[in-house]
Amino acid sequence: MIRINEKTIEKFFFLSAFFSALVTCSIFAFLFVLGLPLFSGGRFFSIITQPWAPHLGHFGIYPMIAGTLAVSLLTMVVAFPLSLGCAILISVVDRGKMSWLLRKTVEMMTGVPTVIYGFVGIFLLVPLVREIFEAGSGMCVLSAVLMLTLLVSPTMILFFCDSFERVPRSYGDAVLAVGGTEIQKFLYVTLPHSWTGIVIGFTLSLGRALGDTLVALMIAGNAVQVPGSLFDSARTLTSHIALVFAADYNSMEFKAIFACGIFLYLFTTILVCAVRLVGGRRKMAG
């Protein structure tokens, strides 16, 4: 029987963590170096505030930042209550066959390729939005938000269900023993003890909404503008990178996509730090 020294295992995990951190920092350095021509000469704020007009020498990514935030944040506004309600139905209200079937359906949805959601959005959702609201082509912020809601909700639902199920059953039984109802048990026991998991699920799903490419590329309309309403077309940072990637490698237009990558990297870093902060507080409270 092979025996492995504990110190050897500790060193292995330390090296793995160090390598992961090194790769992460290297990616950021790679993006920063290749995007440096755009940031030199004090043009950092102009990149954030200027419009995208390469023919005029303007390579600002402000419309894409606005489009990314509009689509992702509105997605979470719709997806969060929907996911929370489904999780309550699965883990709290009904624990029978319907709950089992619904959970298996949600688990299956997490494995559906993103491009399938995009095709469904193009051929079903976009015409539906166009006919119901009679505003534009249907390729707009609203269509992207609805399809991204369908994409990120399964992740949130599973996180929420796991959080509810981790609450010790004895806590809920104590509430019922003193005459409390199922609703009171959920509101005063289950929800407070699973709040950390809810926040983490929400944050990770927001990260997925921020980083999605295909749904925004296929459904949002890809208009380089700041959306003024739900029926306006928009372009996200990820879809902008995908569309500009085929440009001349030596052009400023191509270098601008690295600025998009930097901002996406920063957004993701903030979300990861938020998850770590919540997890750290949970351990301290425990």
Protein backbone atom coordinates (compact mmCIF):
# COMPACT_ATOMS: atom_id res chain seq x y z
CA MET A 1 0.00 0.00 0.00
CA ILE A 2 1.40 3.36 -1.06
CA ARG A 3 1.68 5.95 1.69
CA ILE A 4 1.74 9.60 0.82
CA ASN A 5 3.20 12.12 3.21
CA GLU A 6 0.80 14.86 4.32
CA LYS A 7 3.41 17.52 3.67
CA THR A 8 3.76 16.28 0.10
CA ILE A 9 0.00 16.64 -0.39
CA GLU A 10 0.07 20.13 1.13
CA LYS A 11 2.89 21.16 -1.20
CA PHE A 12 1.01 19.76 -4.18
CA PHE A 13 -2.14 21.75 -3.35
CA PHE A 14 -0.07 24.87 -2.68
CA LEU A 15 1.66 24.56 -6.05
CA SER A 16 -1.70 24.00 -7.75
CA ALA A 17 -3.12 27.13 -6.14
CA PHE A 18 0.02 29.12 -6.98
CA PHE A 19 -0.10 27.95 -10.60
CA SER A 20 -3.78 28.90 -10.89
CA ALA A 21 -3.09 32.37 -9.47
CA LEU A 22 -0.10 32.75 -11.81
CA VAL A 23 -2.19 31.84 -14.86
CA THR A 24 -4.92 34.27 -13.80
CA CYS A 25 -2.46 37.13 -13.34
CA SER A 26 -0.74 36.23 -16.62
CA ILE A 27 -4.03 36.49 -18.50
CA PHE A 28 -4.65 39.94 -17.06
CA ALA A 29 -1.08 41.02 -17.93
CA PHE A 30 -1.54 39.67 -21.46
CA LEU A 31 -4.73 41.69 -21.92
CA PHE A 32 -3.19 44.82 -20.44
CA VAL A 33 -0.01 44.69 -22.56
CA LEU A 34 -1.87 44.15 -25.84
CA GLY A 35 -4.39 46.87 -24.95
CA LEU A 36 -1.68 49.29 -23.80
CA PRO A 37 -1.71 51.38 -27.02
CA LEU A 38 -5.27 52.40 -26.23
CA PHE A 39 -4.47 53.30 -22.62
CA SER A 40 -1.31 55.30 -23.38
CA GLY A 41 -1.37 59.07 -23.62
CA GLY A 42 -3.99 59.50 -20.91
CA ARG A 43 -6.77 58.00 -23.03
CA PHE A 44 -8.03 55.62 -20.36
CA PHE A 45 -11.17 57.61 -19.55
CA SER A 46 -11.84 58.37 -23.21
CA ILE A 47 -12.10 54.65 -23.87
CA ILE A 48 -14.81 54.40 -21.23
CA THR A 49 -16.75 57.50 -22.29
CA GLN A 50 -16.31 57.74 -26.07
CA PRO A 51 -18.55 56.05 -28.64
CA TRP A 52 -17.35 53.33 -30.97
CA ALA A 53 -16.56 55.04 -34.29
CA PRO A 54 -13.37 53.60 -35.85
CA HIS A 55 -13.83 55.68 -39.02
CA LEU A 56 -13.51 58.82 -36.86
CA GLY A 57 -10.65 57.46 -34.77
CA HIS A 58 -12.84 56.81 -31.72
CA PHE A 59 -12.48 53.38 -30.11
CA GLY A 60 -14.55 53.90 -27.00
CA ILE A 61 -16.36 50.90 -25.55
CA TYR A 62 -18.92 52.83 -23.51
CA PRO A 63 -21.90 51.54 -25.58
CA MET A 64 -20.77 47.96 -25.02
CA ILE A 65 -20.30 48.49 -21.28
CA ALA A 66 -23.79 50.00 -21.07
CA GLY A 67 -25.24 47.15 -23.13
CA THR A 68 -23.53 44.52 -21.00
CA LEU A 69 -24.75 46.01 -17.73
CA ALA A 70 -28.26 46.57 -19.07
CA VAL A 71 -28.68 43.02 -20.35
CA SER A 72 -27.03 41.23 -17.41
CA LEU A 73 -28.62 43.27 -14.60
CA LEU A 74 -32.10 43.14 -16.12
CA THR A 75 -31.63 39.41 -16.56
CA MET A 76 -31.01 39.02 -12.85
CA VAL A 77 -34.04 41.20 -12.01
CA VAL A 78 -36.22 38.71 -13.90
CA ALA A 79 -34.32 35.50 -13.11
CA PHE A 80 -33.89 35.93 -9.35
CA PRO A 81 -37.57 35.88 -8.26
CA LEU A 82 -38.34 33.18 -10.82
CA SER A 83 -35.49 30.98 -9.59
CA LEU A 84 -36.29 31.58 -5.93
CA GLY A 85 -39.92 30.63 -6.50
CA CYS A 86 -38.97 27.44 -8.34
CA ALA A 87 -36.50 26.49 -5.62
CA ILE A 88 -39.15 27.02 -2.94
CA LEU A 89 -41.57 24.85 -4.91
CA ILE A 90 -38.99 22.06 -5.30
CA SER A 91 -37.47 22.03 -1.81
CA VAL A 92 -40.12 23.48 0.49
CA VAL A 93 -43.66 23.31 -0.85
CA ASP A 94 -43.70 19.99 -2.70
CA ARG A 95 -41.32 17.11 -1.94
CA GLY A 96 -43.13 14.46 -3.97
CA LYS A 97 -42.90 13.24 -7.55
CA MET A 98 -43.63 16.67 -9.01
CA SER A 99 -40.68 18.12 -7.09
CA TRP A 100 -38.42 15.30 -8.29
CA LEU A 101 -39.52 15.75 -11.92
CA LEU A 102 -39.06 19.51 -11.79
CA ARG A 103 -35.58 19.19 -10.30
CA LYS A 104 -34.50 16.67 -12.93
CA THR A 105 -35.79 19.01 -15.64
CA VAL A 106 -33.77 21.89 -14.19
CA GLU A 107 -30.65 19.70 -13.99
CA MET A 108 -31.13 18.72 -17.63
CA MET A 109 -31.43 22.38 -18.65
CA THR A 110 -28.00 23.14 -17.20
CA GLY A 111 -26.47 20.78 -19.77
CA VAL A 112 -28.14 22.30 -22.83
CA PRO A 113 -25.53 24.06 -25.05
CA THR A 114 -25.85 27.84 -25.15
CA VAL A 115 -26.13 27.86 -28.93
CA ILE A 116 -29.38 25.90 -28.64
CA TYR A 117 -30.84 28.67 -26.50
CA GLY A 118 -29.70 31.12 -29.17
CA PHE A 119 -31.43 29.22 -31.98
CA VAL A 120 -34.63 28.90 -29.97
CA GLY A 121 -34.48 32.62 -29.29
CA ILE A 122 -34.06 33.50 -32.97
CA PHE A 123 -36.84 31.29 -34.33
CA LEU A 124 -39.37 31.45 -31.46
CA LEU A 125 -38.72 34.28 -29.02
CA VAL A 126 -37.70 37.07 -31.41
CA PRO A 127 -40.80 36.73 -33.66
CA LEU A 128 -42.99 36.51 -30.56
CA VAL A 129 -41.55 39.72 -29.08
CA ARG A 130 -41.87 41.46 -32.45
CA GLU A 131 -45.52 40.49 -32.90
CA ILE A 132 -46.65 41.17 -29.33
CA PHE A 133 -44.99 44.55 -28.78
CA GLU A 134 -44.79 45.68 -32.42
CA ALA A 135 -41.56 47.55 -31.75
CA GLY A 136 -38.52 46.99 -33.91
CA SER A 137 -37.21 43.72 -35.26
CA GLY A 138 -37.51 41.78 -32.01
CA MET A 139 -33.74 41.49 -31.71
CA CYS A 140 -33.47 43.72 -28.69
CA VAL A 141 -32.55 43.94 -25.03
CA LEU A 142 -35.85 42.35 -23.95
CA SER A 143 -35.33 39.24 -26.09
CA ALA A 144 -31.77 38.82 -24.82
CA VAL A 145 -32.92 39.29 -21.21
CA LEU A 146 -35.68 36.67 -21.51
CA MET A 147 -33.40 34.11 -23.11
CA LEU A 148 -30.57 34.75 -20.66
CA THR A 149 -33.10 34.32 -17.86
CA LEU A 150 -33.80 30.85 -19.20
CA LEU A 151 -30.06 30.20 -19.40
CA VAL A 152 -28.99 31.29 -15.89
CA SER A 153 -32.09 30.32 -13.90
CA PRO A 154 -31.26 26.58 -13.65
CA THR A 155 -27.93 27.41 -11.99
CA MET A 156 -29.60 29.63 -9.43
CA ILE A 157 -32.40 27.15 -8.78
CA LEU A 158 -29.96 24.34 -7.98
CA PHE A 159 -27.89 26.61 -5.72
CA PHE A 160 -31.00 27.73 -3.88
CA CYS A 161 -32.32 24.17 -3.49
CA ASP A 162 -29.01 22.98 -2.06
CA SER A 163 -28.98 25.91 0.36
CA PHE A 164 -32.49 25.11 1.58
CA GLU A 165 -31.68 21.43 2.01
CA ARG A 166 -28.53 22.16 4.05
CA VAL A 167 -30.57 23.72 6.86
CA PRO A 168 -30.81 21.15 9.68
CA ARG A 169 -34.23 19.54 9.71
CA SER A 170 -34.40 19.81 13.49
CA TYR A 171 -34.62 23.60 13.20
CA GLY A 172 -37.78 23.37 11.14
CA ASP A 173 -39.24 20.63 13.31
CA ALA A 174 -38.81 22.89 16.35
CA VAL A 175 -40.89 25.60 14.68
CA LEU A 176 -43.65 23.14 13.80
CA ALA A 177 -43.55 21.70 17.34
CA VAL A 178 -44.47 25.06 18.89
CA GLY A 179 -47.39 25.57 16.50
CA GLY A 180 -45.69 27.33 13.59
CA THR A 181 -46.77 26.90 9.97
CA GLU A 182 -44.72 25.79 6.98
CA ILE A 183 -44.57 29.38 5.75
CA GLN A 184 -43.31 30.60 9.12
CA LYS A 185 -40.73 27.81 9.16
CA PHE A 186 -39.45 28.93 5.76
CA LEU A 187 -39.45 32.66 6.50
CA TYR A 188 -37.94 32.55 9.98
CA VAL A 189 -35.70 29.46 9.83
CA THR A 190 -34.92 28.17 6.33
CA LEU A 191 -34.44 31.49 4.55
CA PRO A 192 -32.15 33.17 7.13
CA HIS A 193 -29.93 30.07 7.39
CA SER A 194 -29.63 29.69 3.61
CA TRP A 195 -29.14 33.37 2.76
CA THR A 196 -25.42 32.96 2.14
CA GLY A 197 -26.01 30.25 -0.47
CA ILE A 198 -28.63 32.42 -2.14
CA VAL A 199 -26.17 35.31 -2.44
CA ILE A 200 -23.47 33.03 -3.85
CA GLY A 201 -25.87 31.49 -6.39
CA PHE A 202 -27.03 34.95 -7.44
CA THR A 203 -23.47 36.22 -7.82
CA LEU A 204 -22.25 33.26 -9.88
CA SER A 205 -25.31 33.46 -12.13
CA LEU A 206 -24.67 37.17 -12.64
CA GLY A 207 -21.13 36.26 -13.68
CA ARG A 208 -22.51 33.83 -16.24
CA ALA A 209 -24.89 36.48 -17.58
CA LEU A 210 -22.00 38.95 -17.88
CA GLY A 211 -19.78 36.44 -19.67
CA ASP A 212 -22.31 34.95 -22.09
CA THR A 213 -21.49 35.46 -25.75
CA LEU A 214 -23.79 33.49 -28.02
CA VAL A 215 -27.18 34.59 -26.69
CA ALA A 216 -26.24 38.26 -26.79
CA LEU A 217 -24.56 37.84 -30.18
CA MET A 218 -27.55 36.08 -31.76
CA ILE A 219 -30.48 37.89 -30.15
CA ALA A 220 -29.58 41.33 -28.79
CA GLY A 221 -29.24 42.94 -32.26
CA ASN A 222 -25.56 44.03 -31.98
CA ALA A 223 -26.26 47.73 -32.50
CA VAL A 224 -23.39 49.86 -31.20
CA GLN A 225 -25.49 52.20 -29.08
CA VAL A 226 -26.56 52.81 -25.53
CA PRO A 227 -29.99 51.15 -25.25
CA GLY A 228 -32.70 53.61 -24.26
CA SER A 229 -35.48 51.05 -23.84
CA LEU A 230 -36.11 47.34 -23.68
CA PHE A 231 -36.90 47.29 -27.41
CA ASP A 232 -33.61 48.85 -28.53
CA SER A 233 -30.83 46.69 -29.89
CA ALA A 234 -27.58 46.53 -27.97
CA ARG A 235 -24.11 45.02 -28.14
CA THR A 236 -22.37 43.46 -25.15
CA LEU A 237 -18.64 43.32 -24.49
CA THR A 238 -18.46 39.60 -25.26
CA SER A 239 -20.34 39.86 -28.55
CA HIS A 240 -18.20 42.88 -29.51
CA ILE A 241 -15.04 40.81 -28.98
CA ALA A 242 -16.47 38.02 -31.14
CA LEU A 243 -17.43 40.40 -33.94
CA VAL A 244 -14.18 42.41 -34.03
CA PHE A 245 -11.85 39.44 -33.59
CA ALA A 246 -11.58 38.91 -37.36
CA ALA A 247 -10.25 42.44 -37.94
CA ASP A 248 -6.68 43.35 -38.87
CA TYR A 249 -4.41 42.29 -36.03
CA ASN A 250 -2.35 45.49 -36.25
CA SER A 251 -5.28 47.89 -36.25
CA MET A 252 -6.43 49.93 -33.26
CA GLU A 253 -9.86 48.42 -33.81
CA PHE A 254 -8.46 44.99 -33.02
CA LYS A 255 -6.53 46.25 -29.99
CA ALA A 256 -9.76 47.69 -28.59
CA ILE A 257 -11.11 44.20 -27.89
CA PHE A 258 -8.39 43.77 -25.27
CA ALA A 259 -9.85 46.76 -23.43
CA CYS A 260 -13.18 44.91 -23.50
CA GLY A 261 -11.43 41.86 -22.08
CA ILE A 262 -9.91 43.93 -19.27
CA PHE A 263 -13.28 45.28 -18.20
CA LEU A 264 -14.86 41.82 -18.33
CA TYR A 265 -11.95 40.53 -16.26
CA LEU A 266 -12.47 43.28 -13.69
CA PHE A 267 -16.21 42.63 -13.51
CA THR A 268 -15.59 38.93 -12.94
CA THR A 269 -12.89 39.62 -10.34
CA ILE A 270 -15.28 41.81 -8.38
CA LEU A 271 -17.90 39.06 -8.41
CA VAL A 272 -15.41 36.41 -7.27
CA CYS A 273 -14.20 38.67 -4.46
CA ALA A 274 -17.81 39.20 -3.41
CA VAL A 275 -18.37 35.44 -3.24
CA ARG A 276 -15.18 34.99 -1.21
CA LEU A 277 -16.22 37.77 1.16
CA VAL A 278 -19.64 36.22 1.73
CA GLY A 279 -18.10 32.77 2.21
CA GLY A 280 -15.57 34.16 4.70
CA ARG A 281 -18.30 35.85 6.73
CA ARG A 282 -20.24 32.60 6.75
CA LYS A 283 -17.28 30.71 8.22
CA MET A 284 -16.74 33.40 10.85
CA ALA A 285 -20.42 33.32 11.78
CA GLY A 286 -20.30 29.53 11.98
